[in-house]
Amino acid sequence: MKIRKAVFPVAGLGTRVLPATKAMPKEMLTIVDKPLIQYVVDEAKEAGIEHFVFVTGRNKGVIEDHFDRMYELDATLSARGKKAEMDILARDQPPAGAMSFTRQQAPLGLGHAVWCARDIVGDEPFAVVLPDELVLHTPGCLAQMIEAAGKLGEKSNLIAVEAVPDHLTHQYGICGVGKRNGKVFEVDGMVEKPAKGTAPSNLSITGRYILQPEIFKILETQERGAGGEIQLTDAMIGLAKTQKFYGVEFAGERHDCGSKQGFLRANIAFGLARPELRDGLLAEMKKYSGK
């Protein structure tokens, strides 16, 4: 099962981190020295993704600009002999034609955002990557999923899952656990935000998916679900009636950068993972922890 394309839903308003996102997309908030969107694109590149599909909304044009060339900046850096900075920009520059952008005109939910990418994705399996969720690990979460997908049948769907405390399962999409093979298991049912005490497991559905194109037909007529939005989980439940779903318990530390606490934790974790920053950051943390 070859996965060539990844969909990045980036039309959200980022209300959990206002006022930072009033005029700037949440996907452009920086973790250390890179915007969130760059981290997930890098994760997709590492996993072998060839085509990157962004589902955007109003005031998100800066995301497209980020992946474009800035000739004035290139010329200035060149004139000043800033080779290291030029190498960084060249490293992050995608090949021509490797990125597509489409609009979600109204905030109708994750399922609707994925459906908006249907004509670009076409009739092939694809990944969905939520940009406000980062996983600190090498290889990345999506690479782990694609490796697992290579050992499964052609019409298999995969979701990345993470254990959460039992008393918090009502806050997440939760999947049931069937036949297991190491970190990969057959999904035995899915439920979006189950009532307290009714969750089939404590494994939550996180922001990485590998889906078959048949999901688009289901999303086309999908009724609105939780929050009055078209939920991707509801469409996956429908697709699971005819296709296999597998859960992948990925290795790595997940950070929900869509919340203020998660955003701060991610900056610390990714900073500590950088050898050139680690000692200085630890010294600053020690200084403040003693106050």
C-alpha atoms as a PDB file:
ATOM      1  CA  MET A   1       0.000   0.000   0.000  1.00  0.00           C
ATOM      2  CA  LYS A   2       1.773   3.098  -1.297  1.00  0.00           C
ATOM      3  CA  ILE A   3       0.905   6.326   0.536  1.00  0.00           C
ATOM      4  CA  ARG A   4       1.913   9.295  -1.626  1.00  0.00           C
ATOM      5  CA  LYS A   5      -0.363  12.088  -0.414  1.00  0.00           C
ATOM      6  CA  ALA A   6      -1.066  13.694   2.947  1.00  0.00           C
ATOM      7  CA  VAL A   7      -3.886  16.074   3.835  1.00  0.00           C
ATOM      8  CA  PHE A   8      -3.260  18.840   6.359  1.00  0.00           C
ATOM      9  CA  PRO A   9      -6.476  20.465   7.695  1.00  0.00           C
ATOM     10  CA  VAL A  10      -5.360  24.024   8.529  1.00  0.00           C
ATOM     11  CA  ALA A  11      -8.620  25.999   8.401  1.00  0.00           C
ATOM     12  CA  GLY A  12      -9.248  26.055  12.166  1.00  0.00           C
ATOM     13  CA  LEU A  13      -9.531  29.310  14.103  1.00  0.00           C
ATOM     14  CA  GLY A  14      -7.201  28.364  16.967  1.00  0.00           C
ATOM     15  CA  THR A  15      -9.585  29.692  19.619  1.00  0.00           C
ATOM     16  CA  ARG A  16      -7.812  27.816  22.439  1.00  0.00           C
ATOM     17  CA  VAL A  17      -4.721  29.995  22.072  1.00  0.00           C
ATOM     18  CA  LEU A  18      -6.294  33.419  21.542  1.00  0.00           C
ATOM     19  CA  PRO A  19      -5.229  36.204  21.309  1.00  0.00           C
ATOM     20  CA  ALA A  20      -2.072  34.819  19.646  1.00  0.00           C
ATOM     21  CA  THR A  21      -4.168  33.488  16.759  1.00  0.00           C
ATOM     22  CA  LYS A  22      -6.333  36.554  16.207  1.00  0.00           C
ATOM     23  CA  ALA A  23      -4.323  37.640  13.156  1.00  0.00           C
ATOM     24  CA  MET A  24      -1.896  34.724  12.725  1.00  0.00           C
ATOM     25  CA  PRO A  25      -2.771  31.111  11.903  1.00  0.00           C
ATOM     26  CA  LYS A  26      -2.163  28.760  14.813  1.00  0.00           C
ATOM     27  CA  GLU A  27      -0.201  26.570  12.417  1.00  0.00           C
ATOM     28  CA  MET A  28       2.409  29.336  12.175  1.00  0.00           C
ATOM     29  CA  LEU A  29       3.023  29.493  15.927  1.00  0.00           C
ATOM     30  CA  THR A  30       6.646  28.557  16.513  1.00  0.00           C
ATOM     31  CA  ILE A  31       8.023  25.652  18.502  1.00  0.00           C
ATOM     32  CA  VAL A  32      11.596  26.753  19.235  1.00  0.00           C
ATOM     33  CA  ASP A  33      12.438  28.184  15.791  1.00  0.00           C
ATOM     34  CA  LYS A  34      10.050  26.491  13.349  1.00  0.00           C
ATOM     35  CA  PRO A  35       6.306  26.910  12.847  1.00  0.00           C
ATOM     36  CA  LEU A  36       4.042  24.000  13.711  1.00  0.00           C
ATOM     37  CA  ILE A  37       3.206  23.395  10.061  1.00  0.00           C
ATOM     38  CA  GLN A  38       6.875  22.905   9.184  1.00  0.00           C
ATOM     39  CA  TYR A  39       7.245  20.167  11.799  1.00  0.00           C
ATOM     40  CA  VAL A  40       4.373  18.101  10.424  1.00  0.00           C
ATOM     41  CA  VAL A  41       5.452  18.609   6.817  1.00  0.00           C
ATOM     42  CA  ASP A  42       8.930  17.407   7.807  1.00  0.00           C
ATOM     43  CA  GLU A  43       7.334  14.376   9.485  1.00  0.00           C
ATOM     44  CA  ALA A  44       5.436  13.621   6.282  1.00  0.00           C
ATOM     45  CA  LYS A  45       8.566  14.018   4.157  1.00  0.00           C
ATOM     46  CA  GLU A  46      10.428  11.575   6.393  1.00  0.00           C
ATOM     47  CA  ALA A  47       7.572   9.093   5.885  1.00  0.00           C
ATOM     48  CA  GLY A  48       7.933   9.281   2.093  1.00  0.00           C
ATOM     49  CA  ILE A  49       4.988  11.581   1.323  1.00  0.00           C
ATOM     50  CA  GLU A  50       5.320  13.156  -2.127  1.00  0.00           C
ATOM     51  CA  HIS A  51       2.299  15.477  -2.343  1.00  0.00           C
ATOM     52  CA  PHE A  52       1.144  17.774   0.452  1.00  0.00           C
ATOM     53  CA  VAL A  53      -2.497  18.927   0.410  1.00  0.00           C
ATOM     54  CA  PHE A  54      -3.500  21.855   2.627  1.00  0.00           C
ATOM     55  CA  VAL A  55      -7.158  22.571   3.393  1.00  0.00           C
ATOM     56  CA  THR A  56      -7.094  26.246   4.336  1.00  0.00           C
ATOM     57  CA  GLY A  57      -9.507  29.000   5.300  1.00  0.00           C
ATOM     58  CA  ARG A  58      -9.607  32.769   5.330  1.00  0.00           C
ATOM     59  CA  ASN A  59      -6.508  34.575   6.626  1.00  0.00           C
ATOM     60  CA  LYS A  60      -4.336  31.486   6.085  1.00  0.00           C
ATOM     61  CA  GLY A  61      -2.395  32.766   3.077  1.00  0.00           C
ATOM     62  CA  VAL A  62       0.778  33.079   5.146  1.00  0.00           C
ATOM     63  CA  ILE A  63       0.983  29.258   5.260  1.00  0.00           C
ATOM     64  CA  GLU A  64       1.232  29.185   1.474  1.00  0.00           C
ATOM     65  CA  ASP A  65       3.790  31.986   1.595  1.00  0.00           C
ATOM     66  CA  HIS A  66       5.890  30.041   4.101  1.00  0.00           C
ATOM     67  CA  PHE A  67       6.446  27.258   1.575  1.00  0.00           C
ATOM     68  CA  ASP A  68       7.169  29.652  -1.291  1.00  0.00           C
ATOM     69  CA  ARG A  69      10.477  31.270  -2.172  1.00  0.00           C
ATOM     70  CA  MET A  70      11.151  34.821  -0.958  1.00  0.00           C
ATOM     71  CA  TYR A  71      13.506  36.270  -3.536  1.00  0.00           C
ATOM     72  CA  GLU A  72      14.215  39.452  -1.584  1.00  0.00           C
ATOM     73  CA  LEU A  73      15.226  37.416   1.475  1.00  0.00           C
ATOM     74  CA  ASP A  74      17.350  35.060  -0.643  1.00  0.00           C
ATOM     75  CA  ALA A  75      19.128  38.001  -2.280  1.00  0.00           C
ATOM     76  CA  THR A  76      19.763  39.724   1.061  1.00  0.00           C
ATOM     77  CA  LEU A  77      21.149  36.594   2.689  1.00  0.00           C
ATOM     78  CA  SER A  78      23.357  35.927  -0.316  1.00  0.00           C
ATOM     79  CA  ALA A  79      24.719  39.470  -0.342  1.00  0.00           C
ATOM     80  CA  ARG A  80      25.575  39.205   3.352  1.00  0.00           C
ATOM     81  CA  GLY A  81      27.203  35.797   3.036  1.00  0.00           C
ATOM     82  CA  LYS A  82      24.643  34.101   5.303  1.00  0.00           C
ATOM     83  CA  LYS A  83      25.219  30.602   3.940  1.00  0.00           C
ATOM     84  CA  ALA A  84      23.936  28.741   7.023  1.00  0.00           C
ATOM     85  CA  GLU A  85      20.616  30.592   6.866  1.00  0.00           C
ATOM     86  CA  MET A  86      20.382  30.015   3.108  1.00  0.00           C
ATOM     87  CA  ASP A  87      20.936  26.285   3.642  1.00  0.00           C
ATOM     88  CA  ILE A  88      18.087  26.184   6.174  1.00  0.00           C
ATOM     89  CA  LEU A  89      15.687  27.829   3.709  1.00  0.00           C
ATOM     90  CA  ALA A  90      16.808  25.518   0.891  1.00  0.00           C
ATOM     91  CA  ARG A  91      16.321  22.458   3.111  1.00  0.00           C
ATOM     92  CA  ASP A  92      12.708  23.419   3.855  1.00  0.00           C
ATOM     93  CA  GLN A  93      11.833  24.406   0.276  1.00  0.00           C
ATOM     94  CA  PRO A  94       9.424  21.877  -1.283  1.00  0.00           C
ATOM     95  CA  PRO A  95       9.828  20.787  -4.913  1.00  0.00           C
ATOM     96  CA  ALA A  96       7.752  22.655  -7.479  1.00  0.00           C
ATOM     97  CA  GLY A  97       4.232  21.246  -7.738  1.00  0.00           C
ATOM     98  CA  ALA A  98       4.496  19.181  -4.552  1.00  0.00           C
ATOM     99  CA  MET A  99       1.967  21.294  -2.630  1.00  0.00           C
ATOM    100  CA  SER A 100      -1.708  21.962  -3.275  1.00  0.00           C
ATOM    101  CA  PHE A 101      -4.062  24.311  -1.459  1.00  0.00           C
ATOM    102  CA  THR A 102      -7.860  24.211  -1.329  1.00  0.00           C
ATOM    103  CA  ARG A 103     -10.429  26.099   0.742  1.00  0.00           C
ATOM    104  CA  GLN A 104     -12.883  25.070   3.426  1.00  0.00           C
ATOM    105  CA  GLN A 105     -15.264  28.022   3.270  1.00  0.00           C
ATOM    106  CA  ALA A 106     -17.074  27.278   6.532  1.00  0.00           C
ATOM    107  CA  PRO A 107     -15.934  25.664   9.830  1.00  0.00           C
ATOM    108  CA  LEU A 108     -17.947  22.457   9.457  1.00  0.00           C
ATOM    109  CA  GLY A 109     -15.538  20.076  11.181  1.00  0.00           C
ATOM    110  CA  LEU A 110     -12.588  17.813  10.483  1.00  0.00           C
ATOM    111  CA  GLY A 111     -14.599  15.404   8.355  1.00  0.00           C
ATOM    112  CA  HIS A 112     -15.720  18.236   6.082  1.00  0.00           C
ATOM    113  CA  ALA A 113     -12.146  19.539   5.824  1.00  0.00           C
ATOM    114  CA  VAL A 114     -10.912  16.122   4.677  1.00  0.00           C
ATOM    115  CA  TRP A 115     -13.766  15.892   2.164  1.00  0.00           C
ATOM    116  CA  CYS A 116     -12.684  19.231   0.660  1.00  0.00           C
ATOM    117  CA  ALA A 117      -9.465  17.522  -0.493  1.00  0.00           C
ATOM    118  CA  ARG A 118     -11.260  14.752  -2.404  1.00  0.00           C
ATOM    119  CA  ASP A 119     -10.459  15.872  -5.949  1.00  0.00           C
ATOM    120  CA  ILE A 120      -6.779  16.450  -5.176  1.00  0.00           C
ATOM    121  CA  VAL A 121      -6.349  13.124  -3.398  1.00  0.00           C
ATOM    122  CA  GLY A 122      -8.235  11.157  -6.032  1.00  0.00           C
ATOM    123  CA  ASP A 123      -8.699   7.388  -5.887  1.00  0.00           C
ATOM    124  CA  GLU A 124      -5.766   6.345  -3.707  1.00  0.00           C
ATOM    125  CA  PRO A 125      -5.067   5.850  -0.002  1.00  0.00           C
ATOM    126  CA  PHE A 126      -3.829   8.937   1.809  1.00  0.00           C
ATOM    127  CA  ALA A 127      -2.680  10.238   5.167  1.00  0.00           C
ATOM    128  CA  VAL A 128      -4.330  12.885   7.318  1.00  0.00           C
ATOM    129  CA  VAL A 129      -2.046  14.856   9.631  1.00  0.00           C
ATOM    130  CA  LEU A 130      -3.339  17.348  12.203  1.00  0.00           C
ATOM    131  CA  PRO A 131      -0.765  20.148  12.456  1.00  0.00           C
ATOM    132  CA  ASP A 132      -1.407  21.102  16.077  1.00  0.00           C
ATOM    133  CA  GLU A 133      -0.334  17.663  17.308  1.00  0.00           C
ATOM    134  CA  LEU A 134       3.414  17.015  17.340  1.00  0.00           C
ATOM    135  CA  VAL A 135       5.112  13.733  18.175  1.00  0.00           C
ATOM    136  CA  LEU A 136       8.705  13.906  19.377  1.00  0.00           C
ATOM    137  CA  HIS A 137      10.382  10.753  18.093  1.00  0.00           C
ATOM    138  CA  THR A 138      12.585   9.435  15.321  1.00  0.00           C
ATOM    139  CA  PRO A 139      11.240   7.859  13.195  1.00  0.00           C
ATOM    140  CA  GLY A 140       8.133  10.014  13.276  1.00  0.00           C
ATOM    141  CA  CYS A 141       4.607   8.848  13.971  1.00  0.00           C
ATOM    142  CA  LEU A 142       3.552   8.806  10.310  1.00  0.00           C
ATOM    143  CA  ALA A 143       6.628   6.811   9.287  1.00  0.00           C
ATOM    144  CA  GLN A 144       5.751   4.236  11.940  1.00  0.00           C
ATOM    145  CA  MET A 145       2.205   4.025  10.597  1.00  0.00           C
ATOM    146  CA  ILE A 146       3.296   3.646   6.985  1.00  0.00           C
ATOM    147  CA  GLU A 147       5.689   0.872   7.990  1.00  0.00           C
ATOM    148  CA  ALA A 148       2.787  -0.891   9.722  1.00  0.00           C
ATOM    149  CA  ALA A 149       0.533  -0.340   6.700  1.00  0.00           C
ATOM    150  CA  GLY A 150       3.037  -2.133   4.487  1.00  0.00           C
ATOM    151  CA  LYS A 151       2.333  -5.349   6.383  1.00  0.00           C
ATOM    152  CA  LEU A 152      -1.462  -5.138   6.043  1.00  0.00           C
ATOM    153  CA  GLY A 153      -3.996  -5.674   3.280  1.00  0.00           C
ATOM    154  CA  GLU A 154      -4.518  -3.203   0.446  1.00  0.00           C
ATOM    155  CA  LYS A 155      -7.829  -1.832   1.732  1.00  0.00           C
ATOM    156  CA  SER A 156      -6.676  -1.263   5.302  1.00  0.00           C
ATOM    157  CA  ASN A 157      -7.154   1.931   7.305  1.00  0.00           C
ATOM    158  CA  LEU A 158      -4.936   2.939  10.213  1.00  0.00           C
ATOM    159  CA  ILE A 159      -5.297   5.331  13.123  1.00  0.00           C
ATOM    160  CA  ALA A 160      -2.629   6.413  15.581  1.00  0.00           C
ATOM    161  CA  VAL A 161      -3.718   5.810  19.172  1.00  0.00           C
ATOM    162  CA  GLU A 162      -2.456   6.813  22.586  1.00  0.00           C
ATOM    163  CA  ALA A 163      -3.431   5.649  26.066  1.00  0.00           C
ATOM    164  CA  VAL A 164      -5.199   8.278  28.186  1.00  0.00           C
ATOM    165  CA  PRO A 165      -6.313   8.128  31.840  1.00  0.00           C
ATOM    166  CA  ASP A 166      -9.570   6.204  32.256  1.00  0.00           C
ATOM    167  CA  HIS A 167     -11.332   9.158  33.856  1.00  0.00           C
ATOM    168  CA  LEU A 168     -10.640  11.312  30.774  1.00  0.00           C
ATOM    169  CA  THR A 169     -11.834   8.952  28.035  1.00  0.00           C
ATOM    170  CA  HIS A 170     -15.069  10.944  27.649  1.00  0.00           C
ATOM    171  CA  GLN A 171     -13.001  13.798  26.173  1.00  0.00           C
ATOM    172  CA  TYR A 172     -11.657  11.796  23.215  1.00  0.00           C
ATOM    173  CA  GLY A 173     -12.561   9.558  20.331  1.00  0.00           C
ATOM    174  CA  ILE A 174     -11.943   6.039  21.674  1.00  0.00           C
ATOM    175  CA  CYS A 175     -11.448   2.742  19.861  1.00  0.00           C
ATOM    176  CA  GLY A 176     -12.086  -0.830  20.930  1.00  0.00           C
ATOM    177  CA  VAL A 177      -9.259  -3.367  20.801  1.00  0.00           C
ATOM    178  CA  GLY A 178      -9.497  -6.586  18.813  1.00  0.00           C
ATOM    179  CA  LYS A 179      -6.822  -9.052  17.698  1.00  0.00           C
ATOM    180  CA  ARG A 180      -3.376  -7.669  18.486  1.00  0.00           C
ATOM    181  CA  ASN A 181       0.052  -8.105  16.920  1.00  0.00           C
ATOM    182  CA  GLY A 182       2.536  -6.126  19.001  1.00  0.00           C
ATOM    183  CA  LYS A 183       1.775  -2.406  18.751  1.00  0.00           C
ATOM    184  CA  VAL A 184      -0.765  -2.945  15.954  1.00  0.00           C
ATOM    185  CA  PHE A 185      -4.276  -4.233  16.605  1.00  0.00           C
ATOM    186  CA  GLU A 186      -7.603  -4.620  14.846  1.00  0.00           C
ATOM    187  CA  VAL A 187      -9.985  -1.849  15.828  1.00  0.00           C
ATOM    188  CA  ASP A 188     -13.132  -3.291  17.350  1.00  0.00           C
ATOM    189  CA  GLY A 189     -15.440  -0.282  17.172  1.00  0.00           C
ATOM    190  CA  MET A 190     -14.985   3.470  17.573  1.00  0.00           C
ATOM    191  CA  VAL A 191     -16.960   6.023  19.555  1.00  0.00           C
ATOM    192  CA  GLU A 192     -16.620   9.795  19.667  1.00  0.00           C
ATOM    193  CA  LYS A 193     -16.458  11.128  23.255  1.00  0.00           C
ATOM    194  CA  PRO A 194     -18.210   8.235  25.014  1.00  0.00           C
ATOM    195  CA  ALA A 195     -20.191   8.885  28.169  1.00  0.00           C
ATOM    196  CA  LYS A 196     -18.209   8.424  31.369  1.00  0.00           C
ATOM    197  CA  GLY A 197     -17.767   4.774  32.247  1.00  0.00           C
ATOM    198  CA  THR A 198     -18.782   3.468  28.813  1.00  0.00           C
ATOM    199  CA  ALA A 199     -15.504   3.664  26.847  1.00  0.00           C
ATOM    200  CA  PRO A 200     -14.443   0.350  25.228  1.00  0.00           C
ATOM    201  CA  SER A 201     -10.773   1.030  26.127  1.00  0.00           C
ATOM    202  CA  ASN A 202      -8.493   3.868  27.161  1.00  0.00           C
ATOM    203  CA  LEU A 203      -6.891   4.209  23.710  1.00  0.00           C
ATOM    204  CA  SER A 204      -7.688   7.573  22.179  1.00  0.00           C
ATOM    205  CA  ILE A 205      -7.682   8.400  18.482  1.00  0.00           C
ATOM    206  CA  THR A 206      -4.958  10.992  17.834  1.00  0.00           C
ATOM    207  CA  GLY A 207      -4.158  13.273  14.935  1.00  0.00           C
ATOM    208  CA  ARG A 208      -2.665  10.819  12.422  1.00  0.00           C
ATOM    209  CA  TYR A 209      -4.683   8.663  10.019  1.00  0.00           C
ATOM    210  CA  ILE A 210      -4.165   6.548   6.907  1.00  0.00           C
ATOM    211  CA  LEU A 211      -7.458   6.253   5.048  1.00  0.00           C
ATOM    212  CA  GLN A 212      -8.820   4.666   1.916  1.00  0.00           C
ATOM    213  CA  PRO A 213     -10.476   6.937  -0.698  1.00  0.00           C
ATOM    214  CA  GLU A 214     -13.898   5.345  -0.080  1.00  0.00           C
ATOM    215  CA  ILE A 215     -14.113   7.626   2.971  1.00  0.00           C
ATOM    216  CA  PHE A 216     -14.977  10.526   0.650  1.00  0.00           C
ATOM    217  CA  LYS A 217     -18.270   8.959  -0.472  1.00  0.00           C
ATOM    218  CA  ILE A 218     -19.290   8.549   3.145  1.00  0.00           C
ATOM    219  CA  LEU A 219     -18.281  12.095   4.065  1.00  0.00           C
ATOM    220  CA  GLU A 220     -20.299  13.441   1.136  1.00  0.00           C
ATOM    221  CA  THR A 221     -23.555  12.535   2.883  1.00  0.00           C
ATOM    222  CA  GLN A 222     -22.330  12.430   6.475  1.00  0.00           C
ATOM    223  CA  GLU A 223     -24.761  13.938   8.993  1.00  0.00           C
ATOM    224  CA  ARG A 224     -23.466  16.445  11.497  1.00  0.00           C
ATOM    225  CA  GLY A 225     -22.388  14.886  14.772  1.00  0.00           C
ATOM    226  CA  ALA A 226     -20.796  16.128  17.994  1.00  0.00           C
ATOM    227  CA  GLY A 227     -20.577  19.898  18.191  1.00  0.00           C
ATOM    228  CA  GLY A 228     -22.814  20.269  15.144  1.00  0.00           C
ATOM    229  CA  GLU A 229     -19.847  19.385  12.901  1.00  0.00           C
ATOM    230  CA  ILE A 230     -19.160  16.678  10.335  1.00  0.00           C
ATOM    231  CA  GLN A 231     -16.973  14.345  12.360  1.00  0.00           C
ATOM    232  CA  LEU A 232     -14.267  12.240  10.729  1.00  0.00           C
ATOM    233  CA  THR A 233     -14.718   9.581  13.423  1.00  0.00           C
ATOM    234  CA  ASP A 234     -18.358   9.114  12.411  1.00  0.00           C
ATOM    235  CA  ALA A 235     -17.318   8.565   8.792  1.00  0.00           C
ATOM    236  CA  MET A 236     -14.636   6.082   9.868  1.00  0.00           C
ATOM    237  CA  ILE A 237     -17.280   4.151  11.820  1.00  0.00           C
ATOM    238  CA  GLY A 238     -19.269   3.929   8.591  1.00  0.00           C
ATOM    239  CA  LEU A 239     -16.261   2.818   6.551  1.00  0.00           C
ATOM    240  CA  ALA A 240     -15.391   0.181   9.173  1.00  0.00           C
ATOM    241  CA  LYS A 241     -18.530  -1.718   8.121  1.00  0.00           C
ATOM    242  CA  THR A 242     -16.822  -2.706   4.869  1.00  0.00           C
ATOM    243  CA  GLN A 243     -13.078  -2.217   5.479  1.00  0.00           C
ATOM    244  CA  LYS A 244     -10.573  -3.132   8.167  1.00  0.00           C
ATOM    245  CA  PHE A 245      -9.328  -0.532  10.633  1.00  0.00           C
ATOM    246  CA  TYR A 246      -6.145  -0.962  12.633  1.00  0.00           C
ATOM    247  CA  GLY A 247      -4.795   0.986  15.572  1.00  0.00           C
ATOM    248  CA  VAL A 248      -1.091   1.766  15.882  1.00  0.00           C
ATOM    249  CA  GLU A 249       0.330   2.513  19.329  1.00  0.00           C
ATOM    250  CA  PHE A 250       3.146   4.760  18.190  1.00  0.00           C
ATOM    251  CA  ALA A 251       6.445   5.381  19.946  1.00  0.00           C
ATOM    252  CA  GLY A 252       7.062   8.985  20.945  1.00  0.00           C
ATOM    253  CA  GLU A 253       5.892  11.863  23.070  1.00  0.00           C
ATOM    254  CA  ARG A 254       2.727  13.556  21.799  1.00  0.00           C
ATOM    255  CA  HIS A 255       2.159  17.276  22.356  1.00  0.00           C
ATOM    256  CA  ASP A 256      -1.193  19.004  21.855  1.00  0.00           C
ATOM    257  CA  CYS A 257       0.045  22.396  20.681  1.00  0.00           C
ATOM    258  CA  GLY A 258      -3.499  23.665  20.234  1.00  0.00           C
ATOM    259  CA  SER A 259      -3.677  24.316  23.986  1.00  0.00           C
ATOM    260  CA  LYS A 260      -1.567  26.846  25.862  1.00  0.00           C
ATOM    261  CA  GLN A 261      -0.169  24.265  28.282  1.00  0.00           C
ATOM    262  CA  GLY A 262       0.648  21.837  25.481  1.00  0.00           C
ATOM    263  CA  PHE A 263       2.264  24.581  23.417  1.00  0.00           C
ATOM    264  CA  LEU A 264       4.554  25.548  26.292  1.00  0.00           C
ATOM    265  CA  ARG A 265       5.441  21.925  27.038  1.00  0.00           C
ATOM    266  CA  ALA A 266       6.260  21.317  23.394  1.00  0.00           C
ATOM    267  CA  ASN A 267       8.655  24.258  23.299  1.00  0.00           C
ATOM    268  CA  ILE A 268      10.504  22.881  26.312  1.00  0.00           C
ATOM    269  CA  ALA A 269      10.558  19.283  25.034  1.00  0.00           C
ATOM    270  CA  PHE A 270      11.698  20.158  21.527  1.00  0.00           C
ATOM    271  CA  GLY A 271      14.225  22.624  22.907  1.00  0.00           C
ATOM    272  CA  LEU A 272      15.721  19.966  25.185  1.00  0.00           C
ATOM    273  CA  ALA A 273      15.947  17.627  22.190  1.00  0.00           C
ATOM    274  CA  ARG A 274      18.292  20.075  20.441  1.00  0.00           C
ATOM    275  CA  PRO A 275      21.904  19.437  21.604  1.00  0.00           C
ATOM    276  CA  GLU A 276      22.965  23.044  20.966  1.00  0.00           C
ATOM    277  CA  LEU A 277      20.137  24.355  23.171  1.00  0.00           C
ATOM    278  CA  ARG A 278      19.853  21.698  25.846  1.00  0.00           C
ATOM    279  CA  ASP A 279      22.476  22.868  28.374  1.00  0.00           C
ATOM    280  CA  GLY A 280      21.414  26.514  28.268  1.00  0.00           C
ATOM    281  CA  LEU A 281      17.744  25.618  28.581  1.00  0.00           C
ATOM    282  CA  LEU A 282      18.394  23.293  31.525  1.00  0.00           C
ATOM    283  CA  ALA A 283      20.352  26.049  33.256  1.00  0.00           C
ATOM    284  CA  GLU A 284      17.479  28.506  32.801  1.00  0.00           C
ATOM    285  CA  MET A 285      14.942  25.971  34.032  1.00  0.00           C
ATOM    286  CA  LYS A 286      17.055  25.266  37.109  1.00  0.00           C
ATOM    287  CA  LYS A 287      17.342  28.968  37.833  1.00  0.00           C
ATOM    288  CA  TYR A 288      13.581  29.515  37.679  1.00  0.00           C
ATOM    289  CA  SER A 289      12.664  26.325  39.542  1.00  0.00           C
ATOM    290  CA  GLY A 290      14.640  27.585  42.529  1.00  0.00           C
ATOM    291  CA  LYS A 291      12.534  30.706  42.877  1.00  0.00           C
END
